[in-house]
């Protein structure tokens, strides 16, 4: 009796669509779901007539697969993944491969890799981006784990991934939790992209008073440009055209303005804080979603707290063009932050990430797919050690040419009372990165004053501490530089990170 080439556990929409994708590309599939009713419905409808076999126990599911077994788990991240793995392990043989295709935390993936590989199994933690359509027709895949395991799965992954001009949107990411780490940062960039687009929309709608058809036309036009051509801009143009049949209003206007989140954006911010990487655009996007959840408080506050009202009084088309430029500059900064985080994580966790390849596999299938990813790919091809995307000639010149418009937009937003936290965070990032001296010299002096945390100097090496309260105006006039010079400890105190 012929056995199936590939197994899928979990038949929510993503699991179903990936199973259909694998089967369509020539690999017979076995499926299992915790609730048999879901399996029955899938087999009777979407899987009818296809080379897909249903199993109603894990024992039958495992027995239906050819060895080494290749099993994709598509269940909720966290404890459910561990539960499925625990149930599978007694049924598997040495060398069988388990693939977690959910949005698992990278540290969980690293732990599972260690545990399963030490028991003789193989494990791949794989980020999957593209939503329902991508899963069915070609997603961006980010598999991490043991390279030999990836190489065994590579023929399948290359077939089912999105296809772009320079190959399928999949590559071996790196060991351990590398795949899920890259997917996490992908999602953080996605948060930033969506917030930046929302702020552009707010400025156009409430700053200029444009209607839904004008908004749709603007975003459709932006999607034709090299700078902003992207999946998210494309669907935004479509969203504005949809009319709600119940109210005859644009549906977007009756959608509650309280955004949800599933954790990956928050994880990205937390990881950046732990690694000491600055990602203010993504942080602003996460905070914006958190603020949006306080709907009742905001409604009450709107009756009490006042601010500017009115519309932009200048040239409307010029303002639209400036918003476009501000959006692109901010988007560059968001991606620069994401790539900087990936670069630091690669060093910290020994992932050996190829940042050019990360940009390449995001060019198709995934939610953040965009035309300018080709420019990011080229930037890291030309200089794999590029410390920040802002330094790449292409992006440096782009921002230098557009920064005046960017600053005008932020000034106008402040005058209009329209919050643009991600636009602002992006410009602050650019301005901070381009400064050769920041005011943290005062911060260090304050820390040394109240906590003896020490400081370094610009004119000599070592760590210094000053008894700041002893330096009065009188002593400054009478003391010699030698008398005022601080002590120089050989090492800073343990508390200097405060």
Protein backbone atom coordinates (compact mmCIF):
# COMPACT_ATOMS: atom_id res chain seq x y z
CA UNK A 1 0.00 0.00 0.00
CA UNK A 2 1.49 3.33 -1.08
CA UNK A 3 2.35 5.75 1.66
CA UNK A 4 2.06 9.51 1.64
CA UNK A 5 5.09 11.78 1.23
CA UNK A 6 4.13 14.53 3.66
CA UNK A 7 1.93 14.91 6.73
CA UNK A 8 0.03 17.92 8.09
CA UNK A 9 -1.38 18.14 11.62
CA UNK A 10 -3.88 20.95 12.17
CA UNK A 11 -6.57 21.84 9.66
CA UNK A 12 -7.32 25.47 10.35
CA UNK A 13 -7.18 27.56 7.17
CA UNK A 14 -3.37 27.81 7.07
CA UNK A 15 -2.97 24.06 7.59
CA UNK A 16 -5.57 23.24 4.96
CA UNK A 17 -4.04 25.59 2.41
CA UNK A 18 -0.50 24.33 2.95
CA UNK A 19 -1.72 20.73 2.59
CA UNK A 20 -3.42 21.62 -0.70
CA UNK A 21 -0.29 23.47 -1.86
CA UNK A 22 1.96 20.49 -1.12
CA UNK A 23 -0.40 18.07 -2.86
CA UNK A 24 -0.79 20.31 -5.91
CA UNK A 25 2.98 20.31 -6.32
CA UNK A 26 3.19 16.55 -6.58
CA UNK A 27 3.61 15.29 -3.00
CA UNK A 28 0.86 13.00 -1.62
CA UNK A 29 -0.36 14.28 1.75
CA UNK A 30 -1.76 12.73 4.94
CA UNK A 31 -3.77 14.96 7.29
CA UNK A 32 -4.87 14.78 10.92
CA UNK A 33 -6.92 17.14 13.06
CA UNK A 34 -7.80 16.90 16.73
CA UNK A 35 -11.51 17.16 15.91
CA UNK A 36 -12.66 14.55 13.35
CA UNK A 37 -15.51 16.76 12.16
CA UNK A 38 -13.00 19.24 10.79
CA UNK A 39 -11.18 16.44 8.97
CA UNK A 40 -14.44 15.16 7.50
CA UNK A 41 -15.40 18.62 6.22
CA UNK A 42 -11.98 19.14 4.63
CA UNK A 43 -12.01 15.76 2.92
CA UNK A 44 -15.56 16.18 1.64
CA UNK A 45 -15.00 19.64 0.24
CA UNK A 46 -11.59 21.12 -0.50
CA UNK A 47 -9.63 17.84 -0.56
CA UNK A 48 -12.13 15.91 -2.66
CA UNK A 49 -10.46 14.14 -5.59
CA UNK A 50 -6.95 15.00 -4.44
CA UNK A 51 -4.14 12.72 -3.31
CA UNK A 52 -4.82 13.46 0.34
CA UNK A 53 -5.52 10.77 2.94
CA UNK A 54 -7.25 11.45 6.23
CA UNK A 55 -6.29 9.79 9.51
CA UNK A 56 -8.39 9.87 12.66
CA UNK A 57 -5.73 8.76 15.12
CA UNK A 58 -2.11 9.83 15.36
CA UNK A 59 -1.10 6.17 15.12
CA UNK A 60 -2.82 5.80 11.75
CA UNK A 61 -1.48 9.17 10.62
CA UNK A 62 2.14 8.23 11.37
CA UNK A 63 1.70 4.78 9.83
CA UNK A 64 0.45 6.34 6.58
CA UNK A 65 3.70 8.26 5.99
CA UNK A 66 6.81 7.06 4.18
CA UNK A 67 10.07 7.15 6.11
CA UNK A 68 11.77 9.32 7.08
CA UNK A 69 8.48 10.90 8.00
CA UNK A 70 8.01 14.59 7.29
CA UNK A 71 5.33 16.08 9.54
CA UNK A 72 4.22 19.71 9.51
CA UNK A 73 2.51 20.91 12.71
CA UNK A 74 0.10 23.82 12.17
CA UNK A 75 -1.38 24.42 15.62
CA UNK A 76 -1.40 27.39 18.00
CA UNK A 77 2.04 28.40 19.27
CA UNK A 78 3.10 27.56 22.80
CA UNK A 79 1.78 24.64 24.83
CA UNK A 80 -0.27 23.12 21.95
CA UNK A 81 2.93 22.59 19.92
CA UNK A 82 4.63 20.88 22.85
CA UNK A 83 1.53 18.71 23.38
CA UNK A 84 1.49 17.50 19.77
CA UNK A 85 5.22 16.78 19.83
CA UNK A 86 4.83 14.85 23.07
CA UNK A 87 2.09 12.71 21.50
CA UNK A 88 4.10 12.13 18.32
CA UNK A 89 7.45 11.15 19.83
CA UNK A 90 6.50 7.60 20.95
CA UNK A 91 5.20 6.88 17.43
CA UNK A 92 8.19 8.11 15.43
CA UNK A 93 11.45 6.50 14.39
CA UNK A 94 14.96 7.88 14.47
CA UNK A 95 15.53 10.39 11.67
CA UNK A 96 11.87 11.42 11.29
CA UNK A 97 11.40 15.16 10.80
CA UNK A 98 8.96 17.40 12.66
CA UNK A 99 8.30 20.89 11.26
CA UNK A 100 6.63 23.60 13.35
CA UNK A 101 5.06 26.03 10.89
CA UNK A 102 3.35 28.30 13.42
CA UNK A 103 4.46 31.61 14.92
CA UNK A 104 6.45 30.06 17.76
CA UNK A 105 8.79 32.04 19.99
CA UNK A 106 12.35 31.46 18.81
CA UNK A 107 13.55 30.39 22.27
CA UNK A 108 10.87 27.67 22.34
CA UNK A 109 12.07 26.50 18.93
CA UNK A 110 15.70 26.38 20.09
CA UNK A 111 14.65 24.30 23.11
CA UNK A 112 12.60 21.90 21.00
CA UNK A 113 15.49 21.52 18.57
CA UNK A 114 17.83 20.49 21.38
CA UNK A 115 15.33 18.10 22.94
CA UNK A 116 14.29 16.37 19.72
CA UNK A 117 17.72 16.12 18.14
CA UNK A 118 19.16 14.60 21.34
CA UNK A 119 16.39 11.98 21.11
CA UNK A 120 17.35 11.06 17.53
CA UNK A 121 14.67 13.06 15.70
CA UNK A 122 15.05 16.08 13.43
CA UNK A 123 13.27 19.38 13.94
CA UNK A 124 12.65 22.43 11.76
CA UNK A 125 11.13 25.65 13.09
CA UNK A 126 9.73 27.41 10.03
CA UNK A 127 8.22 30.84 9.69
CA UNK A 128 5.43 30.97 7.10
CA UNK A 129 4.26 34.32 5.74
CA UNK A 130 1.61 35.16 3.21
CA UNK A 131 -1.67 34.60 4.99
CA UNK A 132 -4.30 32.27 3.62
CA UNK A 133 -3.63 33.10 -0.04
CA UNK A 134 0.12 32.71 0.34
CA UNK A 135 -0.20 29.37 2.09
CA UNK A 136 -2.29 28.07 -0.82
CA UNK A 137 -0.50 29.61 -3.79
CA UNK A 138 3.05 30.21 -2.58
CA UNK A 139 4.23 31.64 0.76
CA UNK A 140 7.57 32.98 1.90
CA UNK A 141 9.17 30.23 3.98
CA UNK A 142 11.80 30.76 6.68
CA UNK A 143 13.03 27.33 7.85
CA UNK A 144 15.62 27.05 10.61
CA UNK A 145 17.18 24.06 12.33
CA UNK A 146 19.68 21.41 11.34
CA UNK A 147 20.88 22.09 7.80
CA UNK A 148 20.76 18.40 6.82
CA UNK A 149 17.07 18.35 7.73
CA UNK A 150 16.42 21.38 5.56
CA UNK A 151 18.28 19.82 2.65
CA UNK A 152 16.04 16.76 2.85
CA UNK A 153 12.94 19.00 2.80
CA UNK A 154 14.29 21.48 0.26
CA UNK A 155 12.69 19.89 -2.86
CA UNK A 156 9.24 20.25 -1.28
CA UNK A 157 9.81 23.74 0.12
CA UNK A 158 11.17 25.07 -3.17
CA UNK A 159 8.10 23.78 -5.00
CA UNK A 160 5.50 25.20 -2.61
CA UNK A 161 7.15 28.59 -1.96
CA UNK A 162 6.33 31.77 -3.88
CA UNK A 163 8.38 32.10 -7.05
CA UNK A 164 10.15 35.35 -7.99
CA UNK A 165 12.58 36.24 -10.78
CA UNK A 166 15.62 35.02 -8.85
CA UNK A 167 14.21 31.85 -7.35
CA UNK A 168 11.75 30.44 -4.83
CA UNK A 169 11.10 32.48 -1.69
CA UNK A 170 12.77 30.02 0.68
CA UNK A 171 16.29 29.48 1.91
CA UNK A 172 18.00 27.80 4.84
CA UNK A 173 17.91 30.48 7.53
CA UNK A 174 20.21 29.06 10.21
CA UNK A 175 20.42 26.73 13.21
CA UNK A 176 18.13 26.41 16.20
CA UNK A 177 15.43 29.07 16.39
CA UNK A 178 16.78 31.12 13.45
CA UNK A 179 13.74 30.55 11.23
CA UNK A 180 11.25 31.68 13.81
CA UNK A 181 13.47 34.59 14.84
CA UNK A 182 13.55 35.89 11.27
CA UNK A 183 9.76 35.43 10.99
CA UNK A 184 9.33 37.35 14.26
CA UNK A 185 11.34 40.29 12.92
CA UNK A 186 9.45 40.04 9.62
CA UNK A 187 6.27 40.51 11.63
CA UNK A 188 7.79 43.43 13.53
CA UNK A 189 8.57 45.12 10.21
CA UNK A 190 5.00 44.32 9.16
CA UNK A 191 3.71 46.13 12.27
CA UNK A 192 5.81 49.15 11.32
CA UNK A 193 4.65 49.12 7.70
CA UNK A 194 0.98 48.93 8.67
CA UNK A 195 1.26 51.74 11.21
CA UNK A 196 3.08 54.00 8.77
CA UNK A 197 0.37 53.41 6.16
CA UNK A 198 -2.30 54.12 8.78
CA UNK A 199 -0.64 57.43 9.65
CA UNK A 200 -0.46 58.43 5.98
CA UNK A 201 -4.17 57.59 5.70
CA UNK A 202 -4.97 59.68 8.79
CA UNK A 203 -3.14 62.70 7.36
CA UNK A 204 -4.87 62.35 4.00
CA UNK A 205 -8.33 61.78 5.43
CA UNK A 206 -8.36 64.09 8.42
CA UNK A 207 -5.64 66.54 7.41
CA UNK A 208 -6.90 67.08 3.86
CA UNK A 209 -10.49 65.81 4.15
CA UNK A 210 -10.21 63.34 1.25
CA UNK A 211 -13.01 60.83 0.66
CA UNK A 212 -12.70 57.08 0.19
CA UNK A 213 -12.48 57.20 -3.60
CA UNK A 214 -9.75 59.85 -3.52
CA UNK A 215 -7.87 57.78 -0.95
CA UNK A 216 -8.17 54.68 -3.10
CA UNK A 217 -6.86 56.54 -6.15
CA UNK A 218 -3.87 57.92 -4.23
CA UNK A 219 -2.83 54.55 -2.82
CA UNK A 220 -3.38 52.88 -6.20
CA UNK A 221 -1.10 55.51 -7.78
CA UNK A 222 1.52 55.05 -5.05
CA UNK A 223 1.47 51.33 -5.73
CA UNK A 224 2.70 52.01 -9.27
CA UNK A 225 5.88 53.70 -8.01
CA UNK A 226 9.21 51.95 -7.47
CA UNK A 227 9.33 53.27 -3.91
CA UNK A 228 5.96 52.19 -2.54
CA UNK A 229 4.88 49.30 -4.75
CA UNK A 230 3.89 46.62 -2.23
CA UNK A 231 1.22 44.18 -1.15
CA UNK A 232 0.13 46.34 1.79
CA UNK A 233 -0.26 49.48 -0.36
CA UNK A 234 -2.17 47.44 -2.96
CA UNK A 235 -4.69 46.04 -0.49
CA UNK A 236 -5.09 49.47 1.14
CA UNK A 237 -6.28 50.88 -2.19
CA UNK A 238 -8.79 48.01 -2.44
CA UNK A 239 -10.02 48.47 1.13
CA UNK A 240 -11.09 52.08 0.54
CA UNK A 241 -13.33 51.05 -2.38
CA UNK A 242 -15.36 48.48 -0.44
CA UNK A 243 -18.84 49.72 0.47
CA UNK A 244 -20.64 48.21 3.46
CA UNK A 245 -24.01 46.83 2.23
CA UNK A 246 -25.64 47.50 5.62
CA UNK A 247 -24.83 51.19 5.91
CA UNK A 248 -23.88 52.13 2.32
CA UNK A 249 -20.74 53.66 3.81
CA UNK A 250 -17.12 52.73 3.09
CA UNK A 251 -16.65 49.64 5.22
CA UNK A 252 -13.35 50.94 6.61
CA UNK A 253 -15.29 53.80 8.27
CA UNK A 254 -17.43 51.40 10.30
CA UNK A 255 -14.56 49.13 11.38
CA UNK A 256 -13.78 49.66 15.09
CA UNK A 257 -10.48 51.50 15.54
CA UNK A 258 -9.03 49.04 18.06
CA UNK A 259 -6.26 46.89 16.55
CA UNK A 260 -5.39 43.42 17.79
CA UNK A 261 -2.02 41.71 17.98
CA UNK A 262 -0.86 38.12 18.37
CA UNK A 263 2.43 38.77 20.14
CA UNK A 264 5.13 38.73 17.45
CA UNK A 265 5.40 42.52 17.34
CA UNK A 266 5.77 42.64 21.12
CA UNK A 267 8.34 39.82 21.00
CA UNK A 268 10.35 41.81 18.44
CA UNK A 269 10.45 44.85 20.70
CA UNK A 270 11.38 42.74 23.72
CA UNK A 271 14.18 41.02 21.82
CA UNK A 272 15.54 44.35 20.58
CA UNK A 273 15.63 45.65 24.14
CA UNK A 274 17.46 42.53 25.31
CA UNK A 275 20.02 42.80 22.49
CA UNK A 276 20.40 46.57 22.76
CA UNK A 277 19.17 47.38 19.27
CA UNK A 278 17.17 50.53 18.53
CA UNK A 279 13.87 49.82 16.70
CA UNK A 280 11.70 52.87 17.49
CA UNK A 281 9.41 52.58 14.45
CA UNK A 282 8.32 49.06 15.39
CA UNK A 283 8.04 50.05 19.06
CA UNK A 284 5.81 52.97 18.07
CA UNK A 285 3.64 50.61 16.01
CA UNK A 286 3.18 48.23 18.94
CA UNK A 287 2.37 51.15 21.24
CA UNK A 288 -0.14 52.51 18.73
CA UNK A 289 -2.03 49.21 18.78
CA UNK A 290 -1.97 49.21 22.57
CA UNK A 291 -3.30 52.78 22.67
CA UNK A 292 -6.02 51.91 20.17
CA UNK A 293 -7.36 49.27 22.56
CA UNK A 294 -8.34 51.98 25.08
CA UNK A 295 -11.37 52.92 22.98
CA UNK A 296 -13.73 53.88 25.82
CA UNK A 297 -11.09 55.99 27.54
CA UNK A 298 -10.24 57.75 24.29
CA UNK A 299 -13.89 58.52 23.58
CA UNK A 300 -14.28 59.99 27.08
CA UNK A 301 -11.02 61.92 26.79
CA UNK A 302 -12.09 63.39 23.45
CA UNK A 303 -14.89 65.21 25.27
CA UNK A 304 -12.48 66.80 27.76
CA UNK A 305 -9.08 67.23 26.15
CA UNK A 306 -8.90 69.75 23.34
CA UNK A 307 -6.35 70.35 20.62
CA UNK A 308 -5.98 71.84 17.14
CA UNK A 309 -8.82 71.45 14.66
CA UNK A 310 -9.15 72.26 10.99
CA UNK A 311 -7.62 71.13 7.73
CA UNK A 312 -4.29 71.62 6.01
CA UNK A 313 -4.39 75.04 4.34
CA UNK A 314 -1.56 74.69 1.83
CA UNK A 315 -1.42 73.11 -1.60
CA UNK A 316 -3.22 69.76 -1.36
CA UNK A 317 -1.30 67.97 -4.12
CA UNK A 318 2.00 69.17 -2.74
CA UNK A 319 1.03 67.84 0.70
CA UNK A 320 0.02 64.47 -0.80
CA UNK A 321 3.43 64.24 -2.44
CA UNK A 322 5.17 65.14 0.81
CA UNK A 323 3.22 62.45 2.67
CA UNK A 324 4.31 59.94 0.02
CA UNK A 325 7.94 60.94 0.53
CA UNK A 326 7.60 60.85 4.32
CA UNK A 327 6.07 57.39 4.10
CA UNK A 328 8.95 56.07 2.00
CA UNK A 329 11.65 57.62 4.19
CA UNK A 330 9.99 56.20 7.30
CA UNK A 331 9.65 52.81 5.63
CA UNK A 332 13.38 52.78 4.86
CA UNK A 333 14.11 53.50 8.52
CA UNK A 334 11.78 50.71 9.65
CA UNK A 335 13.52 48.16 7.43
CA UNK A 336 16.92 49.51 8.48
CA UNK A 337 15.97 48.81 12.09
CA UNK A 338 14.74 45.33 11.27
CA UNK A 339 17.88 44.39 9.37
CA UNK A 340 20.08 45.82 12.14
CA UNK A 341 18.20 43.66 14.65
CA UNK A 342 18.69 40.57 12.47
CA UNK A 343 22.39 41.34 12.15
CA UNK A 344 22.86 41.66 15.89
CA UNK A 345 20.80 38.53 16.63
CA UNK A 346 22.82 36.61 14.05
CA UNK A 347 26.00 37.40 15.97
CA UNK A 348 24.48 36.83 19.40
CA UNK A 349 22.87 33.47 18.54
CA UNK A 350 25.40 32.32 15.90
CA UNK A 351 22.75 32.18 13.17
CA UNK A 352 25.10 33.33 10.38
CA UNK A 353 22.21 35.04 8.61
CA UNK A 354 22.59 36.16 5.01
CA UNK A 355 20.73 39.48 5.09
CA UNK A 356 20.64 39.71 1.30
CA UNK A 357 18.85 36.36 1.22
CA UNK A 358 16.40 37.50 3.89
CA UNK A 359 15.39 40.41 1.66
CA UNK A 360 15.19 38.11 -1.38
CA UNK A 361 12.82 35.59 0.16
CA UNK A 362 10.52 38.42 1.27
CA UNK A 363 10.11 39.65 -2.32
CA UNK A 364 7.20 37.27 -2.97
CA UNK A 365 4.47 35.50 -1.07
CA UNK A 366 4.77 37.32 2.25
CA UNK A 367 2.80 40.20 3.74
CA UNK A 368 5.68 42.69 3.51
CA UNK A 369 6.54 41.87 -0.09
CA UNK A 370 7.50 45.08 -1.84
CA UNK A 371 9.38 46.30 -4.87
CA UNK A 372 12.10 48.04 -2.88
CA UNK A 373 13.18 44.77 -1.23
CA UNK A 374 15.23 44.22 -4.38
CA UNK A 375 17.18 47.36 -3.46
CA UNK A 376 17.74 46.02 0.06
CA UNK A 377 18.88 42.71 -1.41
CA UNK A 378 21.34 44.53 -3.66
CA UNK A 379 22.65 46.69 -0.80
CA UNK A 380 23.64 43.65 1.26
CA UNK A 381 24.99 41.85 -1.80
CA UNK A 382 27.32 44.77 -2.42
CA UNK A 383 28.33 45.01 1.24
CA UNK A 384 27.42 41.98 3.41
CA UNK A 385 28.93 43.78 6.44
CA UNK A 386 26.81 46.92 5.93
CA UNK A 387 26.13 48.11 9.52
CA UNK A 388 22.95 50.00 8.67
CA UNK A 389 20.77 50.27 5.60
CA UNK A 390 20.81 54.07 5.91
CA UNK A 391 24.47 54.00 4.85
CA UNK A 392 23.80 52.21 1.56
CA UNK A 393 24.25 54.76 -1.29
CA UNK A 394 20.76 54.11 -2.70
CA UNK A 395 18.94 54.75 0.57
CA UNK A 396 21.25 57.48 1.84
CA UNK A 397 20.56 59.60 -1.23
CA UNK A 398 16.85 58.82 -1.19
CA UNK A 399 16.45 60.22 2.31
CA UNK A 400 18.73 63.19 1.73
CA UNK A 401 16.60 64.13 -1.29
CA UNK A 402 13.31 63.76 0.60
CA UNK A 403 14.03 64.75 4.17
CA UNK A 404 12.70 68.29 3.73
CA UNK A 405 9.27 66.93 2.77
CA UNK A 406 9.46 64.42 5.65
CA UNK A 407 10.07 67.21 8.16
CA UNK A 408 7.29 69.37 6.68
CA UNK A 409 4.82 66.52 7.12
CA UNK A 410 5.70 66.06 10.79
CA UNK A 411 5.44 69.79 11.42
CA UNK A 412 2.04 69.88 9.71
CA UNK A 413 0.84 66.87 11.69
CA UNK A 414 1.80 68.57 14.96
CA UNK A 415 -0.05 71.75 13.96
CA UNK A 416 -3.11 69.73 12.96
CA UNK A 417 -3.06 67.62 16.13
CA UNK A 418 -2.83 64.36 14.17
CA UNK A 419 -0.64 61.75 15.92
CA UNK A 420 2.07 60.22 13.74
CA UNK A 421 4.10 58.17 16.24
CA UNK A 422 5.79 55.90 13.68
CA UNK A 423 6.61 58.76 11.28
CA UNK A 424 8.07 60.68 14.24
CA UNK A 425 10.00 57.69 15.58
CA UNK A 426 11.47 57.09 12.13
CA UNK A 427 12.68 60.67 11.73
CA UNK A 428 14.06 60.63 15.28
CA UNK A 429 15.94 57.45 14.40
CA UNK A 430 17.44 59.07 11.31
CA UNK A 431 18.37 62.25 13.15
CA UNK A 432 19.88 60.32 16.06
CA UNK A 433 21.88 58.02 13.79
CA UNK A 434 23.33 60.89 11.75
CA UNK A 435 24.49 62.87 14.84
CA UNK A 436 28.13 62.55 15.87
CA UNK A 437 27.26 63.70 19.40
CA UNK A 438 24.07 63.07 21.38
CA UNK A 439 23.05 64.57 24.76
CA UNK A 440 23.73 61.34 26.65
CA UNK A 441 26.91 62.94 27.99
CA UNK A 442 24.53 64.70 30.40
CA UNK A 443 22.77 61.40 31.11
CA UNK A 444 26.09 59.81 32.05
CA UNK A 445 26.95 62.76 34.27
CA UNK A 446 23.59 62.44 36.03
CA UNK A 447 24.11 58.70 36.55
CA UNK A 448 27.51 59.32 38.03
CA UNK A 449 26.11 62.10 40.24
CA UNK A 450 23.35 60.04 41.86
CA UNK A 451 24.78 56.53 41.63
CA UNK A 452 28.53 56.71 41.12
CA UNK A 453 28.10 54.74 37.90
CA UNK A 454 31.23 56.35 36.38
CA UNK A 455 31.65 57.82 32.93
CA UNK A 456 34.16 57.81 30.09
CA UNK A 457 35.80 60.91 28.66
CA UNK A 458 36.38 62.08 25.10
CA UNK A 459 39.97 63.13 25.80
CA UNK A 460 41.43 60.12 27.66
CA UNK A 461 40.73 56.43 28.19
CA UNK A 462 39.35 54.75 31.32
CA UNK A 463 36.36 55.15 33.61
CA UNK A 464 35.98 58.16 35.87
CA UNK A 465 33.94 59.18 38.90
CA UNK A 466 33.44 62.68 40.20
CA UNK A 467 32.19 63.92 43.59
CA UNK A 468 29.93 66.42 41.87
CA UNK A 469 28.64 68.14 45.04
CA UNK A 470 32.17 69.21 45.98
CA UNK A 471 32.53 71.37 42.91
CA UNK A 472 31.07 74.70 43.92
CA UNK A 473 31.32 77.90 41.98
CA UNK A 474 34.06 79.03 44.36
CA UNK A 475 36.11 75.86 43.87
CA UNK A 476 35.80 76.14 40.11
CA UNK A 477 37.42 79.54 40.37
CA UNK A 478 40.26 78.50 42.72
CA UNK A 479 40.97 74.82 42.09
CA UNK A 480 43.49 73.56 39.57
CA UNK A 481 42.51 71.01 36.90
CA UNK A 482 44.59 68.41 38.75
CA UNK A 483 42.62 68.95 41.95
CA UNK A 484 39.29 68.66 40.16
CA UNK A 485 40.15 65.57 38.11
CA UNK A 486 38.10 62.52 39.10
CA UNK A 487 39.44 59.20 40.30
CA UNK A 488 40.06 56.61 37.58
CA UNK A 489 38.91 53.10 38.60
CA UNK A 490 40.41 50.25 36.59
CA UNK A 491 36.95 48.84 35.90
CA UNK A 492 33.49 50.43 36.08
CA UNK A 493 31.20 49.43 38.96
CA UNK A 494 28.85 46.51 38.36
CA UNK A 495 25.89 48.88 38.43
CA UNK A 496 26.84 50.90 35.33
CA UNK A 497 23.99 49.43 33.24
CA UNK A 498 21.34 51.18 35.29
